[in-house]
C-alpha atoms as a PDB file:
ATOM      1  CA  MET A   1       0.050 -18.005  29.606  1.00  0.00           C
ATOM      2  CA  TYR A   2      -2.345 -16.553  32.185  1.00  0.00           C
ATOM      3  CA  GLN A   3      -1.583 -17.594  35.734  1.00  0.00           C
ATOM      4  CA  TYR A   4      -4.631 -17.862  37.988  1.00  0.00           C
ATOM      5  CA  ASP A   5      -3.199 -16.369  41.169  1.00  0.00           C
ATOM      6  CA  SER A   6      -4.817 -16.006  44.568  1.00  0.00           C
ATOM      7  CA  ARG A   7      -5.960 -12.496  43.727  1.00  0.00           C
ATOM      8  CA  GLY A   8      -7.890 -13.729  40.681  1.00  0.00           C
ATOM      9  CA  SER A   9      -9.327 -16.546  42.726  1.00  0.00           C
ATOM     10  CA  TYR A  10     -10.482 -14.050  45.332  1.00  0.00           C
ATOM     11  CA  ILE A  11     -12.310 -11.962  42.729  1.00  0.00           C
ATOM     12  CA  ALA A  12     -13.992 -15.070  41.331  1.00  0.00           C
ATOM     13  CA  GLN A  13     -15.136 -16.153  44.803  1.00  0.00           C
ATOM     14  CA  TYR A  14     -16.444 -12.674  45.569  1.00  0.00           C
ATOM     15  CA  ILE A  15     -18.515 -12.627  42.392  1.00  0.00           C
ATOM     16  CA  LYS A  16     -19.812 -16.115  43.156  1.00  0.00           C
ATOM     17  CA  ASP A  17     -20.817 -15.047  46.675  1.00  0.00           C
ATOM     18  CA  PHE A  18     -22.646 -12.030  45.226  1.00  0.00           C
ATOM     19  CA  CYS A  19     -24.515 -14.225  42.752  1.00  0.00           C
ATOM     20  CA  THR A  20     -25.665 -16.715  45.386  1.00  0.00           C
ATOM     21  CA  LYS A  21     -26.485 -14.094  48.020  1.00  0.00           C
ATOM     22  CA  ASP A  22     -30.208 -14.116  48.806  1.00  0.00           C
ATOM     23  CA  ILE A  23     -31.201 -16.676  46.167  1.00  0.00           C
ATOM     24  CA  GLY A  24     -30.581 -19.714  48.368  1.00  0.00           C
ATOM     25  CA  SER A  25     -30.227 -23.064  46.628  1.00  0.00           C
ATOM     26  CA  TYR A  26     -32.475 -24.771  44.108  1.00  0.00           C
ATOM     27  CA  THR A  27     -33.903 -26.945  46.899  1.00  0.00           C
ATOM     28  CA  SER A  28     -35.296 -23.821  48.574  1.00  0.00           C
ATOM     29  CA  HIS A  29     -37.472 -23.355  45.476  1.00  0.00           C
ATOM     30  CA  LEU A  30     -39.070 -26.804  45.617  1.00  0.00           C
ATOM     31  CA  GLU A  31     -42.086 -25.695  47.657  1.00  0.00           C
ATOM     32  CA  MET A  32     -43.077 -23.278  44.896  1.00  0.00           C
ATOM     33  CA  PHE A  33     -43.689 -26.290  42.654  1.00  0.00           C
ATOM     34  CA  ASN A  34     -45.316 -28.509  45.295  1.00  0.00           C
ATOM     35  CA  PHE A  35     -48.241 -29.346  42.991  1.00  0.00           C
ATOM     36  CA  ILE A  36     -45.871 -31.378  40.798  1.00  0.00           C
ATOM     37  CA  GLU A  37     -46.004 -34.892  42.218  1.00  0.00           C
ATOM     38  CA  GLU A  38     -43.298 -36.279  39.946  1.00  0.00           C
ATOM     39  CA  GLU A  39     -40.280 -35.769  42.198  1.00  0.00           C
ATOM     40  CA  GLU A  40     -37.559 -35.651  39.562  1.00  0.00           C
ATOM     41  CA  LEU A  41     -39.505 -33.199  37.412  1.00  0.00           C
ATOM     42  CA  GLN A  42     -40.175 -30.992  40.427  1.00  0.00           C
ATOM     43  CA  LYS A  43     -36.454 -30.927  41.229  1.00  0.00           C
ATOM     44  CA  ARG A  44     -35.508 -30.183  37.642  1.00  0.00           C
ATOM     45  CA  ILE A  45     -37.951 -27.285  37.306  1.00  0.00           C
ATOM     46  CA  ALA A  46     -36.778 -25.829  40.633  1.00  0.00           C
ATOM     47  CA  MET A  47     -33.196 -26.109  39.387  1.00  0.00           C
ATOM     48  CA  GLU A  48     -34.036 -24.374  36.091  1.00  0.00           C
ATOM     49  CA  PHE A  49     -35.653 -21.493  38.009  1.00  0.00           C
ATOM     50  CA  TYR A  50     -32.604 -21.225  40.248  1.00  0.00           C
ATOM     51  CA  ILE A  51     -30.356 -21.102  37.176  1.00  0.00           C
ATOM     52  CA  ALA A  52     -32.429 -18.275  35.660  1.00  0.00           C
ATOM     53  CA  ARG A  53     -32.028 -16.258  38.856  1.00  0.00           C
ATOM     54  CA  TYR A  54     -28.294 -17.047  39.098  1.00  0.00           C
ATOM     55  CA  ILE A  55     -27.742 -15.866  35.509  1.00  0.00           C
ATOM     56  CA  ALA A  56     -29.566 -12.628  36.331  1.00  0.00           C
ATOM     57  CA  LYS A  57     -27.316 -12.016  39.340  1.00  0.00           C
ATOM     58  CA  LEU A  58     -24.171 -12.734  37.315  1.00  0.00           C
ATOM     59  CA  GLN A  59     -25.394 -10.302  34.672  1.00  0.00           C
ATOM     60  CA  ILE A  60     -25.545  -7.594  37.342  1.00  0.00           C
ATOM     61  CA  ALA A  61     -22.205  -8.524  38.875  1.00  0.00           C
ATOM     62  CA  LEU A  62     -20.469  -8.167  35.508  1.00  0.00           C
ATOM     63  CA  LYS A  63     -22.103  -4.754  34.973  1.00  0.00           C
ATOM     64  CA  LEU A  64     -22.897  -5.483  31.357  1.00  0.00           C
ATOM     65  CA  THR A  65     -23.588  -2.535  29.087  1.00  0.00           C
ATOM     66  CA  THR A  66     -27.091  -2.053  27.708  1.00  0.00           C
ATOM     67  CA  GLY A  67     -27.158  -3.061  24.066  1.00  0.00           C
ATOM     68  CA  SER A  68     -23.969  -5.118  24.288  1.00  0.00           C
ATOM     69  CA  PHE A  69     -23.606  -8.591  22.794  1.00  0.00           C
ATOM     70  CA  GLU A  70     -22.706  -9.895  26.253  1.00  0.00           C
ATOM     71  CA  LEU A  71     -25.950  -8.624  27.807  1.00  0.00           C
ATOM     72  CA  PHE A  72     -27.892 -10.032  24.845  1.00  0.00           C
ATOM     73  CA  GLY A  73     -26.488 -13.466  25.654  1.00  0.00           C
ATOM     74  CA  PHE A  74     -27.410 -13.299  29.339  1.00  0.00           C
ATOM     75  CA  LEU A  75     -30.978 -12.178  28.603  1.00  0.00           C
ATOM     76  CA  LYS A  76     -31.352 -14.885  25.975  1.00  0.00           C
ATOM     77  CA  MET A  77     -30.327 -17.584  28.451  1.00  0.00           C
ATOM     78  CA  GLN A  78     -32.857 -16.393  31.039  1.00  0.00           C
ATOM     79  CA  LEU A  79     -35.707 -16.402  28.529  1.00  0.00           C
ATOM     80  CA  VAL A  80     -34.803 -19.937  27.479  1.00  0.00           C
ATOM     81  CA  GLN A  81     -35.092 -20.995  31.131  1.00  0.00           C
ATOM     82  CA  TYR A  82     -38.465 -19.334  31.716  1.00  0.00           C
ATOM     83  CA  GLY A  83     -39.943 -20.593  28.437  1.00  0.00           C
ATOM     84  CA  GLY A  84     -38.909 -24.148  29.275  1.00  0.00           C
ATOM     85  CA  ILE A  85     -40.399 -23.914  32.773  1.00  0.00           C
ATOM     86  CA  PHE A  86     -43.783 -22.722  31.481  1.00  0.00           C
ATOM     87  CA  GLU A  87     -44.006 -25.495  28.910  1.00  0.00           C
ATOM     88  CA  ALA A  88     -42.874 -28.247  31.293  1.00  0.00           C
ATOM     89  CA  ILE A  89     -45.473 -27.315  33.921  1.00  0.00           C
ATOM     90  CA  ILE A  90     -48.407 -27.006  31.519  1.00  0.00           C
ATOM     91  CA  THR A  91     -47.523 -30.244  29.732  1.00  0.00           C
ATOM     92  CA  TYR A  92     -47.228 -32.091  33.045  1.00  0.00           C
ATOM     93  CA  LEU A  93     -50.565 -30.835  34.385  1.00  0.00           C
ATOM     94  CA  LEU A  94     -52.545 -31.579  31.226  1.00  0.00           C
ATOM     95  CA  LYS A  95     -51.017 -35.021  30.814  1.00  0.00           C
ATOM     96  CA  GLU A  96     -51.018 -36.207  34.416  1.00  0.00           C
ATOM     97  CA  LYS A  97     -54.140 -34.547  35.811  1.00  0.00           C
ATOM     98  CA  TYR A  98     -56.439 -33.591  32.928  1.00  0.00           C
ATOM     99  CA  ILE A  99     -55.777 -36.000  30.071  1.00  0.00           C
ATOM    100  CA  GLU A 100     -59.462 -37.064  30.142  1.00  0.00           C
ATOM    101  CA  ASN A 101     -60.758 -33.492  30.151  1.00  0.00           C
ATOM    102  CA  ASP A 102     -62.618 -32.479  26.989  1.00  0.00           C
ATOM    103  CA  ALA A 103     -60.399 -29.418  26.578  1.00  0.00           C
ATOM    104  CA  VAL A 104     -57.326 -31.662  26.471  1.00  0.00           C
ATOM    105  CA  LYS A 105     -58.925 -34.337  24.319  1.00  0.00           C
ATOM    106  CA  SER A 106     -59.802 -31.727  21.706  1.00  0.00           C
ATOM    107  CA  ILE A 107     -56.159 -30.721  21.217  1.00  0.00           C
ATOM    108  CA  CYS A 108     -55.037 -34.353  21.135  1.00  0.00           C
ATOM    109  CA  LYS A 109     -57.113 -35.141  18.051  1.00  0.00           C
ATOM    110  CA  LYS A 110     -55.115 -35.609  14.894  1.00  0.00           C
ATOM    111  CA  THR A 111     -56.444 -35.671  11.345  1.00  0.00           C
ATOM    112  CA  GLU A 112     -54.431 -37.287   8.565  1.00  0.00           C
ATOM    113  CA  TYR A 113     -55.139 -37.371   4.840  1.00  0.00           C
ATOM    114  CA  LYS A 114     -53.638 -39.987   2.523  1.00  0.00           C
ATOM    115  CA  ILE A 115     -53.959 -40.217  -1.233  1.00  0.00           C
ATOM    116  CA  ALA A 116     -56.462 -43.014  -1.869  1.00  0.00           C
ATOM    117  CA  HIS A 117     -56.614 -42.909  -5.648  1.00  0.00           C
ATOM    118  CA  THR A 118     -54.657 -41.350  -8.487  1.00  0.00           C
ATOM    119  CA  PHE A 119     -56.068 -40.356 -11.850  1.00  0.00           C
ATOM    120  CA  PRO A 120     -54.876 -42.032 -15.041  1.00  0.00           C
ATOM    121  CA  SER A 121     -51.794 -40.594 -16.668  1.00  0.00           C
ATOM    122  CA  GLY A 122     -52.489 -37.346 -18.435  1.00  0.00           C
ATOM    123  CA  ILE A 123     -55.639 -36.576 -16.441  1.00  0.00           C
ATOM    124  CA  SER A 124     -55.681 -34.108 -13.578  1.00  0.00           C
ATOM    125  CA  VAL A 125     -58.256 -32.133 -11.624  1.00  0.00           C
ATOM    126  CA  LYS A 126     -57.417 -28.641 -10.428  1.00  0.00           C
ATOM    127  CA  GLN A 127     -58.951 -25.922  -8.353  1.00  0.00           C
ATOM    128  CA  GLY A 128     -57.256 -22.776  -9.471  1.00  0.00           C
ATOM    129  CA  ASP A 129     -53.562 -23.597  -9.572  1.00  0.00           C
ATOM    130  CA  ALA A 130     -53.848 -26.397  -7.010  1.00  0.00           C
ATOM    131  CA  GLU A 131     -54.040 -30.018  -8.156  1.00  0.00           C
ATOM    132  CA  LEU A 132     -56.729 -32.096  -6.432  1.00  0.00           C
ATOM    133  CA  PHE A 133     -56.493 -35.722  -5.307  1.00  0.00           C
ATOM    134  CA  LEU A 134     -58.920 -38.269  -3.872  1.00  0.00           C
ATOM    135  CA  CYS A 135     -57.886 -38.825  -0.255  1.00  0.00           C
ATOM    136  CA  SER A 136     -58.907 -40.919   2.702  1.00  0.00           C
ATOM    137  CA  LYS A 137     -59.395 -39.197   6.026  1.00  0.00           C
ATOM    138  CA  LYS A 138     -58.184 -40.731   9.277  1.00  0.00           C
ATOM    139  CA  GLU A 139     -58.760 -39.269  12.723  1.00  0.00           C
ATOM    140  CA  SER A 140     -56.784 -40.398  15.743  1.00  0.00           C
ATOM    141  CA  GLU A 141     -55.796 -39.232  19.204  1.00  0.00           C
ATOM    142  CA  THR A 142     -52.374 -38.858  20.760  1.00  0.00           C
ATOM    143  CA  ASP A 143     -51.200 -38.591  24.335  1.00  0.00           C
ATOM    144  CA  LYS A 144     -47.896 -37.085  23.206  1.00  0.00           C
ATOM    145  CA  LEU A 145     -48.628 -33.635  24.560  1.00  0.00           C
ATOM    146  CA  GLU A 146     -44.945 -32.756  24.228  1.00  0.00           C
ATOM    147  CA  TYR A 147     -45.476 -32.440  20.458  1.00  0.00           C
ATOM    148  CA  ILE A 148     -48.568 -30.238  20.648  1.00  0.00           C
ATOM    149  CA  LYS A 149     -48.093 -26.495  20.255  1.00  0.00           C
ATOM    150  CA  LEU A 150     -47.779 -24.608  23.523  1.00  0.00           C
ATOM    151  CA  GLU A 151     -50.468 -22.166  22.424  1.00  0.00           C
ATOM    152  CA  ASP A 152     -52.981 -25.003  22.106  1.00  0.00           C
ATOM    153  CA  LYS A 153     -51.985 -26.393  25.499  1.00  0.00           C
ATOM    154  CA  LEU A 154     -52.380 -22.990  27.112  1.00  0.00           C
ATOM    155  CA  LYS A 155     -55.823 -22.559  25.544  1.00  0.00           C
ATOM    156  CA  ALA A 156     -56.819 -25.891  27.076  1.00  0.00           C
ATOM    157  CA  ALA A 157     -55.441 -24.768  30.448  1.00  0.00           C
ATOM    158  CA  VAL A 158     -57.574 -21.617  30.253  1.00  0.00           C
ATOM    159  CA  LYS A 159     -60.713 -23.661  29.459  1.00  0.00           C
ATOM    160  CA  ILE A 160     -60.008 -25.928  32.417  1.00  0.00           C
ATOM    161  CA  GLY A 161     -59.469 -22.910  34.687  1.00  0.00           C
ATOM    162  CA  LEU A 162     -55.805 -23.484  35.559  1.00  0.00           C
ATOM    163  CA  ILE A 163     -54.744 -20.046  34.346  1.00  0.00           C
ATOM    164  CA  SER A 164     -56.373 -16.849  33.127  1.00  0.00           C
ATOM    165  CA  ASP A 165     -56.387 -15.639  29.545  1.00  0.00           C
ATOM    166  CA  GLU A 166     -54.110 -12.753  30.584  1.00  0.00           C
ATOM    167  CA  ILE A 167     -51.496 -15.167  31.900  1.00  0.00           C
ATOM    168  CA  LYS A 168     -51.808 -17.256  28.736  1.00  0.00           C
ATOM    169  CA  ILE A 169     -50.964 -14.197  26.618  1.00  0.00           C
ATOM    170  CA  ALA A 170     -48.043 -13.250  28.875  1.00  0.00           C
ATOM    171  CA  VAL A 171     -46.622 -16.781  28.748  1.00  0.00           C
ATOM    172  CA  LEU A 172     -46.880 -16.818  24.954  1.00  0.00           C
ATOM    173  CA  ASP A 173     -45.029 -13.497  24.786  1.00  0.00           C
ATOM    174  CA  THR A 174     -42.135 -15.030  26.717  1.00  0.00           C
ATOM    175  CA  TYR A 175     -42.268 -18.250  24.715  1.00  0.00           C
ATOM    176  CA  GLU A 176     -42.135 -16.386  21.420  1.00  0.00           C
ATOM    177  CA  LEU A 177     -38.949 -14.682  22.586  1.00  0.00           C
ATOM    178  CA  ARG A 178     -37.603 -18.032  23.770  1.00  0.00           C
ATOM    179  CA  SER A 179     -38.293 -19.531  20.339  1.00  0.00           C
ATOM    180  CA  SER A 180     -36.144 -16.839  18.761  1.00  0.00           C
ATOM    181  CA  VAL A 181     -33.051 -18.631  20.061  1.00  0.00           C
ATOM    182  CA  HIS A 182     -33.043 -20.014  16.530  1.00  0.00           C
ATOM    183  CA  ILE A 183     -30.732 -17.570  14.797  1.00  0.00           C
ATOM    184  CA  GLN A 184     -32.592 -17.478  11.492  1.00  0.00           C
ATOM    185  CA  THR A 185     -35.869 -16.736  13.290  1.00  0.00           C
ATOM    186  CA  ALA A 186     -34.242 -13.953  15.302  1.00  0.00           C
ATOM    187  CA  VAL A 187     -32.790 -12.372  12.165  1.00  0.00           C
ATOM    188  CA  LYS A 188     -36.040 -12.664  10.230  1.00  0.00           C
ATOM    189  CA  LYS A 189     -38.107 -11.086  13.018  1.00  0.00           C
ATOM    190  CA  THR A 190     -35.340  -8.643  14.039  1.00  0.00           C
ATOM    191  CA  ILE A 191     -35.804  -9.650  17.660  1.00  0.00           C
ATOM    192  CA  GLU A 192     -33.831  -7.813  20.319  1.00  0.00           C
ATOM    193  CA  PHE A 193     -33.812  -8.909  23.948  1.00  0.00           C
ATOM    194  CA  GLU A 194     -34.350  -6.354  26.693  1.00  0.00           C
ATOM    195  CA  ILE A 195     -34.093  -6.498  30.481  1.00  0.00           C
ATOM    196  CA  LYS A 196     -37.844  -5.837  30.664  1.00  0.00           C
ATOM    197  CA  HIS A 197     -38.481  -9.119  28.846  1.00  0.00           C
ATOM    198  CA  CYS A 198     -36.805 -11.079  31.645  1.00  0.00           C
ATOM    199  CA  ARG A 199     -38.554  -8.962  34.267  1.00  0.00           C
ATOM    200  CA  ASP A 200     -41.945  -9.698  32.676  1.00  0.00           C
ATOM    201  CA  ALA A 201     -41.112 -13.413  32.442  1.00  0.00           C
ATOM    202  CA  PHE A 202     -40.238 -13.517  36.154  1.00  0.00           C
ATOM    203  CA  TYR A 203     -43.435 -11.806  37.315  1.00  0.00           C
ATOM    204  CA  THR A 204     -45.526 -13.868  34.894  1.00  0.00           C
ATOM    205  CA  LEU A 205     -44.087 -17.051  36.406  1.00  0.00           C
ATOM    206  CA  ILE A 206     -44.948 -15.919  39.944  1.00  0.00           C
ATOM    207  CA  ASP A 207     -48.572 -15.158  38.953  1.00  0.00           C
ATOM    208  CA  PHE A 208     -48.727 -18.320  36.830  1.00  0.00           C
ATOM    209  CA  LEU A 209     -47.775 -20.462  39.850  1.00  0.00           C
ATOM    210  CA  LYS A 210     -50.204 -18.672  42.167  1.00  0.00           C
ATOM    211  CA  GLN A 211     -53.133 -19.230  39.802  1.00  0.00           C
ATOM    212  CA  ILE A 212     -52.308 -22.907  39.378  1.00  0.00           C
ATOM    213  CA  ARG A 213     -51.942 -23.529  43.111  1.00  0.00           C
ATOM    214  CA  THR A 214     -55.211 -21.706  43.788  1.00  0.00           C
ATOM    215  CA  PHE A 215     -57.093 -23.770  41.210  1.00  0.00           C
ATOM    216  CA  LEU A 216     -55.597 -27.030  42.482  1.00  0.00           C
ATOM    217  CA  ASN A 217     -56.397 -26.048  46.086  1.00  0.00           C
ATOM    218  CA  TYR A 218     -52.787 -26.132  47.186  1.00  0.00           C
ATOM    219  CA  SER A 219     -52.831 -23.867  50.194  1.00  0.00           C
ATOM    220  CA  GLU A 220     -50.188 -21.175  50.330  1.00  0.00           C
ATOM    221  CA  THR A 221     -48.405 -21.818  53.607  1.00  0.00           C
ATOM    222  CA  PRO A 222     -46.861 -18.908  55.536  1.00  0.00           C
ATOM    223  CA  GLU A 223     -43.430 -20.340  54.660  1.00  0.00           C
ATOM    224  CA  LEU A 224     -44.222 -20.411  50.951  1.00  0.00           C
ATOM    225  CA  LYS A 225     -45.665 -16.904  51.006  1.00  0.00           C
ATOM    226  CA  GLU A 226     -42.572 -15.656  52.815  1.00  0.00           C
ATOM    227  CA  GLU A 227     -40.310 -17.370  50.282  1.00  0.00           C
ATOM    228  CA  GLU A 228     -42.158 -15.835  47.328  1.00  0.00           C
ATOM    229  CA  GLU A 229     -42.035 -12.393  48.913  1.00  0.00           C
ATOM    230  CA  ARG A 230     -38.305 -12.796  49.562  1.00  0.00           C
ATOM    231  CA  ILE A 231     -37.624 -13.892  45.997  1.00  0.00           C
ATOM    232  CA  THR A 232     -39.693 -11.045  44.555  1.00  0.00           C
ATOM    233  CA  SER A 233     -38.047  -8.474  46.839  1.00  0.00           C
ATOM    234  CA  GLU A 234     -34.576  -9.685  45.899  1.00  0.00           C
ATOM    235  CA  PHE A 235     -35.516  -9.554  42.201  1.00  0.00           C
ATOM    236  CA  GLU A 236     -36.772  -5.976  42.516  1.00  0.00           C
ATOM    237  CA  GLU A 237     -33.555  -4.964  44.274  1.00  0.00           C
ATOM    238  CA  ASN A 238     -31.598  -6.403  41.358  1.00  0.00           C
ATOM    239  CA  LEU A 239     -33.679  -4.383  38.906  1.00  0.00           C
ATOM    240  CA  ALA A 240     -33.005  -1.251  40.935  1.00  0.00           C
ATOM    241  CA  ALA A 241     -29.290  -2.013  40.801  1.00  0.00           C
ATOM    242  CA  VAL A 242     -29.451  -2.193  37.024  1.00  0.00           C
ATOM    243  CA  ARG A 243     -31.519   0.973  36.638  1.00  0.00           C
ATOM    244  CA  GLN A 244     -29.435   3.052  39.025  1.00  0.00           C
ATOM    245  CA  ASP A 245     -26.135   1.634  37.845  1.00  0.00           C
ATOM    246  CA  ASN A 246     -25.048   1.229  41.450  1.00  0.00           C
ATOM    247  CA  ILE A 247     -23.418  -2.167  41.179  1.00  0.00           C
ATOM    248  CA  ASP A 248     -20.318  -0.883  42.952  1.00  0.00           C
ATOM    249  CA  ASN A 249     -22.397  -0.211  46.044  1.00  0.00           C
ATOM    250  CA  GLN A 250     -24.124  -3.593  45.692  1.00  0.00           C
ATOM    251  CA  ILE A 251     -20.900  -5.565  45.601  1.00  0.00           C
ATOM    252  CA  GLY A 252     -18.920  -3.287  47.847  1.00  0.00           C
ATOM    253  CA  TYR A 253     -15.227  -2.673  48.263  1.00  0.00           C
ATOM    254  CA  ILE A 254     -12.860  -5.566  47.736  1.00  0.00           C
ATOM    255  CA  PRO A 255      -9.718  -4.932  49.795  1.00  0.00           C
ATOM    256  CA  GLY A 256      -6.547  -5.011  47.738  1.00  0.00           C
ATOM    257  CA  ILE A 257      -8.463  -5.306  44.475  1.00  0.00           C
ATOM    258  CA  ILE A 258     -10.328  -2.046  43.892  1.00  0.00           C
END
């Protein structure tokens, strides 16, 4: 049975220190989501963003091989995080701030058809191969934005002015990849995850947040701007580490281990 000695513990701690270096804690990300007035949701979204960044750092620390199953898993987890963040923010804003906006009301309308009358036995009416029925039509509205397709919610956000059409398309690209966590969907669409997908998701989130804060008139404080620049710089350094395969220089020499 494997004995977890002090040497193994030292390696684990070193990797952990590398992963947390420069990314701070999830609480340091709270200001980026300052337009979310629901405190628990704000904390949760900040935590999910922190987790995405932590997974990315661990991916680098483990020096995973391009095309490997292990790397596939790490990229998949990051895309799940980013997709969830996009949807949570848009759903919150439309529901809490713009539920009375015409753009939101239009996607909340629901049309239902119910069979109102059946023909006598042996009689049927068809159009081509399709059998026709007499139905009643009922229109209603729902405030359950959680059940409305993200694409429709993003279209409403564009009409309101929260985000641009370019950001909407970029978010949908990430969300489509996120949706492929369903194995059958991934197989059917032959989806492969790449590092660039996570990179694009990260930069899309930064621009997504900037556009929302600008529209909502949330001023970008010097502290927030500095934090975003630090996060972006650290992310770019990580990408460079992956491209140049210089993880040994990033982590450094571990006395008595390497």
